[in-house]
C-alpha atoms as a PDB file:
ATOM      1  CA  MET A   1      28.009  95.543  86.737  1.00  0.00           C
ATOM      2  CA  GLY A   2      25.439  96.959  84.135  1.00  0.00           C
ATOM      3  CA  THR A   3      22.609  94.939  82.944  1.00  0.00           C
ATOM      4  CA  THR A   4      21.852  96.674  79.646  1.00  0.00           C
ATOM      5  CA  SER A   5      20.365  94.182  77.263  1.00  0.00           C
ATOM      6  CA  ARG A   6      19.821  94.242  73.478  1.00  0.00           C
ATOM      7  CA  ALA A   7      15.984  93.846  74.090  1.00  0.00           C
ATOM      8  CA  GLY A   8      15.764  97.130  76.183  1.00  0.00           C
ATOM      9  CA  PRO A   9      14.239  98.357  79.266  1.00  0.00           C
ATOM     10  CA  LEU A  10      11.187  95.889  79.645  1.00  0.00           C
ATOM     11  CA  GLU A  11      13.825  93.022  79.725  1.00  0.00           C
ATOM     12  CA  ASP A  12      15.882  94.945  82.252  1.00  0.00           C
ATOM     13  CA  GLU A  13      12.845  95.270  84.563  1.00  0.00           C
ATOM     14  CA  VAL A  14      12.102  91.457  84.376  1.00  0.00           C
ATOM     15  CA  TRP A  15      15.730  91.048  85.234  1.00  0.00           C
ATOM     16  CA  ARG A  16      15.597  93.418  88.157  1.00  0.00           C
ATOM     17  CA  GLU A  17      12.562  91.475  89.323  1.00  0.00           C
ATOM     18  CA  ALA A  18      14.302  88.082  89.298  1.00  0.00           C
ATOM     19  CA  ARG A  19      17.114  89.439  91.056  1.00  0.00           C
ATOM     20  CA  ARG A  20      14.989  90.873  93.639  1.00  0.00           C
ATOM     21  CA  LEU A  21      12.937  87.598  94.256  1.00  0.00           C
ATOM     22  CA  TRP A  22      16.139  85.234  94.186  1.00  0.00           C
ATOM     23  CA  GLY A  23      18.572  87.726  95.996  1.00  0.00           C
ATOM     24  CA  ASP A  24      22.032  86.038  96.301  1.00  0.00           C
ATOM     25  CA  LYS A  25      20.780  82.716  95.022  1.00  0.00           C
ATOM     26  CA  LEU A  26      21.611  83.619  91.519  1.00  0.00           C
ATOM     27  CA  THR A  27      24.911  82.968  90.078  1.00  0.00           C
ATOM     28  CA  PRO A  28      26.006  84.257  86.653  1.00  0.00           C
ATOM     29  CA  ILE A  29      27.121  81.436  84.381  1.00  0.00           C
ATOM     30  CA  LEU A  30      30.587  81.847  82.784  1.00  0.00           C
ATOM     31  CA  PRO A  31      30.433  82.970  79.254  1.00  0.00           C
ATOM     32  CA  ASN A  32      32.398  80.071  78.118  1.00  0.00           C
ATOM     33  CA  LEU A  33      29.626  77.668  79.280  1.00  0.00           C
ATOM     34  CA  VAL A  34      26.961  79.052  77.247  1.00  0.00           C
ATOM     35  CA  GLY A  35      26.799  77.595  73.858  1.00  0.00           C
ATOM     36  CA  SER A  36      26.324  79.394  70.567  1.00  0.00           C
ATOM     37  CA  HIS A  37      22.873  77.845  70.098  1.00  0.00           C
ATOM     38  CA  VAL A  38      21.085  80.454  72.070  1.00  0.00           C
ATOM     39  CA  SER A  39      19.898  83.881  71.496  1.00  0.00           C
ATOM     40  CA  ASP A  40      21.822  86.977  72.336  1.00  0.00           C
ATOM     41  CA  SER A  41      19.106  87.771  75.060  1.00  0.00           C
ATOM     42  CA  THR A  42      19.200  84.316  76.771  1.00  0.00           C
ATOM     43  CA  ARG A  43      22.997  84.375  76.634  1.00  0.00           C
ATOM     44  CA  SER A  44      22.903  87.883  78.306  1.00  0.00           C
ATOM     45  CA  PHE A  45      20.492  86.770  81.097  1.00  0.00           C
ATOM     46  CA  LEU A  46      22.623  83.724  81.801  1.00  0.00           C
ATOM     47  CA  THR A  47      25.834  85.527  81.943  1.00  0.00           C
ATOM     48  CA  HIS A  48      24.671  88.742  83.840  1.00  0.00           C
ATOM     49  CA  VAL A  49      21.972  87.505  85.932  1.00  0.00           C
ATOM     50  CA  GLY A  50      22.557  83.601  86.104  1.00  0.00           C
ATOM     51  CA  LEU A  51      20.853  80.570  87.552  1.00  0.00           C
ATOM     52  CA  PRO A  52      19.822  79.733  91.139  1.00  0.00           C
ATOM     53  CA  THR A  53      22.312  77.797  93.231  1.00  0.00           C
ATOM     54  CA  GLU A  54      19.383  76.622  95.381  1.00  0.00           C
ATOM     55  CA  CYS A  55      15.643  76.306  94.817  1.00  0.00           C
ATOM     56  CA  PRO A  56      12.818  75.484  97.440  1.00  0.00           C
ATOM     57  CA  LEU A  57      11.427  72.934  94.912  1.00  0.00           C
ATOM     58  CA  PRO A  58      13.422  69.822  93.764  1.00  0.00           C
ATOM     59  CA  PHE A  59      14.784  71.461  90.906  1.00  0.00           C
ATOM     60  CA  THR A  60      18.295  71.294  89.989  1.00  0.00           C
ATOM     61  CA  PHE A  61      19.966  74.165  87.600  1.00  0.00           C
ATOM     62  CA  TYR A  62      23.259  73.452  85.861  1.00  0.00           C
ATOM     63  CA  HIS A  63      26.358  75.731  86.244  1.00  0.00           C
ATOM     64  CA  ASP A  64      28.638  73.500  84.474  1.00  0.00           C
ATOM     65  CA  GLU A  65      29.447  71.922  80.924  1.00  0.00           C
ATOM     66  CA  ARG A  66      26.005  70.401  80.604  1.00  0.00           C
ATOM     67  CA  LEU A  67      25.135  73.725  79.435  1.00  0.00           C
ATOM     68  CA  LEU A  68      27.116  73.197  76.527  1.00  0.00           C
ATOM     69  CA  ARG A  69      25.407  70.046  75.187  1.00  0.00           C
ATOM     70  CA  PRO A  70      22.382  70.778  73.082  1.00  0.00           C
ATOM     71  CA  LEU A  71      19.568  68.348  73.572  1.00  0.00           C
ATOM     72  CA  SER A  72      18.501  67.301  69.913  1.00  0.00           C
ATOM     73  CA  MET A  73      14.827  66.565  69.751  1.00  0.00           C
ATOM     74  CA  VAL A  74      12.592  65.861  66.429  1.00  0.00           C
ATOM     75  CA  ASP A  75      11.461  69.561  66.265  1.00  0.00           C
ATOM     76  CA  ALA A  76      14.589  71.516  67.437  1.00  0.00           C
ATOM     77  CA  ASP A  77      17.750  71.673  69.399  1.00  0.00           C
ATOM     78  CA  TYR A  78      17.577  72.704  73.134  1.00  0.00           C
ATOM     79  CA  LEU A  79      19.747  74.323  75.795  1.00  0.00           C
ATOM     80  CA  VAL A  80      18.870  72.319  78.889  1.00  0.00           C
ATOM     81  CA  PHE A  81      19.534  74.454  81.947  1.00  0.00           C
ATOM     82  CA  GLY A  82      17.985  72.278  84.693  1.00  0.00           C
ATOM     83  CA  ASP A  83      15.688  69.455  85.439  1.00  0.00           C
ATOM     84  CA  ASN A  84      13.167  67.856  87.914  1.00  0.00           C
ATOM     85  CA  TYR A  85      12.633  64.210  88.248  1.00  0.00           C
ATOM     86  CA  GLY A  86      13.466  63.560  84.497  1.00  0.00           C
ATOM     87  CA  VAL A  87      11.777  66.486  82.948  1.00  0.00           C
ATOM     88  CA  MET A  88      14.316  68.915  81.456  1.00  0.00           C
ATOM     89  CA  PHE A  89      13.938  72.612  81.581  1.00  0.00           C
ATOM     90  CA  ALA A  90      15.261  73.863  78.169  1.00  0.00           C
ATOM     91  CA  VAL A  91      15.325  76.909  75.869  1.00  0.00           C
ATOM     92  CA  LYS A  92      14.313  76.067  72.284  1.00  0.00           C
ATOM     93  CA  ALA A  93      17.136  77.046  69.850  1.00  0.00           C
ATOM     94  CA  GLY A  94      16.294  79.931  67.567  1.00  0.00           C
ATOM     95  CA  THR A  95      13.834  81.148  70.020  1.00  0.00           C
ATOM     96  CA  ASP A  96      13.704  82.431  73.609  1.00  0.00           C
ATOM     97  CA  GLU A  97      10.832  80.084  74.457  1.00  0.00           C
ATOM     98  CA  LEU A  98      11.231  77.596  77.545  1.00  0.00           C
ATOM     99  CA  ARG A  99       9.814  74.125  77.287  1.00  0.00           C
ATOM    100  CA  SER A 100       9.711  71.219  79.549  1.00  0.00           C
ATOM    101  CA  VAL A 101      10.980  68.212  77.458  1.00  0.00           C
ATOM    102  CA  TYR A 102      11.515  64.589  78.077  1.00  0.00           C
ATOM    103  CA  PRO A 103      14.549  63.239  76.352  1.00  0.00           C
ATOM    104  CA  ASP A 104      12.751  59.995  75.286  1.00  0.00           C
ATOM    105  CA  GLU A 105      10.086  62.112  73.489  1.00  0.00           C
ATOM    106  CA  LYS A 106       7.377  59.784  74.734  1.00  0.00           C
ATOM    107  CA  ARG A 107       5.662  62.647  76.775  1.00  0.00           C
ATOM    108  CA  PRO A 108       4.490  65.858  75.637  1.00  0.00           C
ATOM    109  CA  GLN A 109       6.714  68.958  75.587  1.00  0.00           C
ATOM    110  CA  ARG A 110       5.030  71.786  77.553  1.00  0.00           C
ATOM    111  CA  PHE A 111       5.427  75.556  77.062  1.00  0.00           C
ATOM    112  CA  MET A 112       6.735  77.160  80.264  1.00  0.00           C
ATOM    113  CA  ASN A 113       7.535  80.811  79.442  1.00  0.00           C
ATOM    114  CA  SER A 114       8.456  83.162  76.644  1.00  0.00           C
ATOM    115  CA  HIS A 115      11.889  83.863  78.174  1.00  0.00           C
ATOM    116  CA  ILE A 116      14.246  82.419  80.673  1.00  0.00           C
ATOM    117  CA  SER A 117      14.035  85.719  82.867  1.00  0.00           C
ATOM    118  CA  LEU A 118      10.079  85.118  83.060  1.00  0.00           C
ATOM    119  CA  PHE A 119      10.617  81.614  84.029  1.00  0.00           C
ATOM    120  CA  PHE A 120      12.780  82.677  87.114  1.00  0.00           C
ATOM    121  CA  THR A 121      10.537  85.656  87.852  1.00  0.00           C
ATOM    122  CA  PHE A 122       7.497  82.938  88.087  1.00  0.00           C
ATOM    123  CA  LEU A 123       9.527  80.589  90.083  1.00  0.00           C
ATOM    124  CA  GLY A 124      10.744  83.277  92.378  1.00  0.00           C
ATOM    125  CA  LEU A 125       7.164  84.414  92.878  1.00  0.00           C
ATOM    126  CA  LEU A 126       5.933  81.023  93.728  1.00  0.00           C
ATOM    127  CA  ALA A 127       8.893  80.402  95.860  1.00  0.00           C
ATOM    128  CA  SER A 128       8.087  83.496  97.943  1.00  0.00           C
ATOM    129  CA  ARG A 129       4.615  82.166  98.704  1.00  0.00           C
ATOM    130  CA  LEU A 130       5.501  78.393  98.993  1.00  0.00           C
ATOM    131  CA  GLN A 131       5.694  78.244 102.885  1.00  0.00           C
ATOM    132  CA  GLU A 132       2.169  80.000 102.971  1.00  0.00           C
ATOM    133  CA  LEU A 133       0.907  77.471 100.436  1.00  0.00           C
ATOM    134  CA  ARG A 134       2.199  74.447 102.377  1.00  0.00           C
ATOM    135  CA  GLN A 135       0.627  75.887 105.534  1.00  0.00           C
ATOM    136  CA  ALA A 136      -2.599  77.159 104.375  1.00  0.00           C
ATOM    137  CA  SER A 137      -6.112  75.985 104.580  1.00  0.00           C
ATOM    138  CA  SER A 138      -7.490  74.890 101.221  1.00  0.00           C
ATOM    139  CA  GLY A 139      -9.551  77.988 100.866  1.00  0.00           C
ATOM    140  CA  HIS A 140      -6.572  80.287 101.434  1.00  0.00           C
ATOM    141  CA  VAL A 141      -4.650  78.085  99.016  1.00  0.00           C
ATOM    142  CA  ASP A 142      -7.152  78.921  96.458  1.00  0.00           C
ATOM    143  CA  ILE A 143      -6.745  82.333  97.191  1.00  0.00           C
ATOM    144  CA  VAL A 144      -2.808  82.512  96.911  1.00  0.00           C
ATOM    145  CA  VAL A 145      -3.107  80.388  93.630  1.00  0.00           C
ATOM    146  CA  HIS A 146      -5.418  82.893  92.196  1.00  0.00           C
ATOM    147  CA  GLU A 147      -3.069  85.882  93.147  1.00  0.00           C
ATOM    148  CA  LEU A 148      -0.145  83.888  91.475  1.00  0.00           C
ATOM    149  CA  ARG A 149      -2.319  83.338  88.228  1.00  0.00           C
ATOM    150  CA  ARG A 150      -2.925  87.154  88.310  1.00  0.00           C
ATOM    151  CA  GLN A 151       0.790  87.942  88.603  1.00  0.00           C
ATOM    152  CA  PHE A 152       1.758  85.255  86.130  1.00  0.00           C
ATOM    153  CA  LEU A 153      -0.722  86.602  83.548  1.00  0.00           C
ATOM    154  CA  SER A 154       0.381  90.137  83.882  1.00  0.00           C
ATOM    155  CA  ARG A 155       3.864  89.244  82.945  1.00  0.00           C
ATOM    156  CA  ASP A 156       3.571  86.367  80.429  1.00  0.00           C
ATOM    157  CA  ALA A 157       0.015  85.416  79.705  1.00  0.00           C
ATOM    158  CA  ARG A 158       1.125  82.762  77.040  1.00  0.00           C
ATOM    159  CA  ALA A 159       2.546  80.819  79.918  1.00  0.00           C
ATOM    160  CA  LEU A 160      -1.002  79.941  81.024  1.00  0.00           C
ATOM    161  CA  GLU A 161      -2.992  80.013  77.799  1.00  0.00           C
ATOM    162  CA  ASP A 162      -3.004  76.313  77.522  1.00  0.00           C
ATOM    163  CA  ALA A 163      -4.855  74.454  80.326  1.00  0.00           C
ATOM    164  CA  HIS A 164      -2.106  71.785  80.264  1.00  0.00           C
ATOM    165  CA  SER A 165       0.772  74.282  80.280  1.00  0.00           C
ATOM    166  CA  TRP A 166       3.615  73.457  82.690  1.00  0.00           C
ATOM    167  CA  TRP A 167       2.555  76.523  85.079  1.00  0.00           C
ATOM    168  CA  ASN A 168      -1.092  75.526  85.025  1.00  0.00           C
ATOM    169  CA  LEU A 169      -0.298  72.000  86.067  1.00  0.00           C
ATOM    170  CA  LEU A 170       2.057  73.163  88.796  1.00  0.00           C
ATOM    171  CA  LEU A 171      -0.550  75.619  90.116  1.00  0.00           C
ATOM    172  CA  GLU A 172      -3.137  72.687  90.076  1.00  0.00           C
ATOM    173  CA  GLN A 173      -0.619  70.560  92.111  1.00  0.00           C
ATOM    174  CA  ALA A 174      -0.298  73.426  94.658  1.00  0.00           C
ATOM    175  CA  ILE A 175      -4.069  73.486  95.026  1.00  0.00           C
ATOM    176  CA  GLU A 176      -3.852  69.803  95.541  1.00  0.00           C
ATOM    177  CA  GLY A 177      -1.116  70.047  98.338  1.00  0.00           C
ATOM    178  CA  PHE A 178       1.653  68.517  96.285  1.00  0.00           C
ATOM    179  CA  VAL A 179       4.106  71.377  95.961  1.00  0.00           C
END
């Protein structure tokens, strides 16, 4: 099955990396489960590459009708594709941006990534180092987190621009031993 996308070779490179990192844990989403409120690029990633069926972190990714229900917030509608303890992982309609959102809107949204493919690349990179992070001394954890930050910055620098971005907070949790 080809992975040609409307965005071109760079996107295909990111898609290949996501596939390599996740292996057979990615399952494409049926086209009829992806609503019309997402971009062609996001739709293509979901239907050609897919979402993980299992994750080493306590994240749930949807492969069912939940993908068809946009979450309407004050600023926009969102395609929610997963969650973690009440925080929703969502693509902002009209963009390819991922945000962590809370349905009650009482806590701030956090920028996650510029595209869903980059989110799963980042998550795959983190997952590939998770056992090492969990077993390492604090000094070695700092080194691994520094390497992950460098890898993230080279792929989607915007994901780390804000000190309170979702990825920065997750990496801080890794340093503190909570991942």
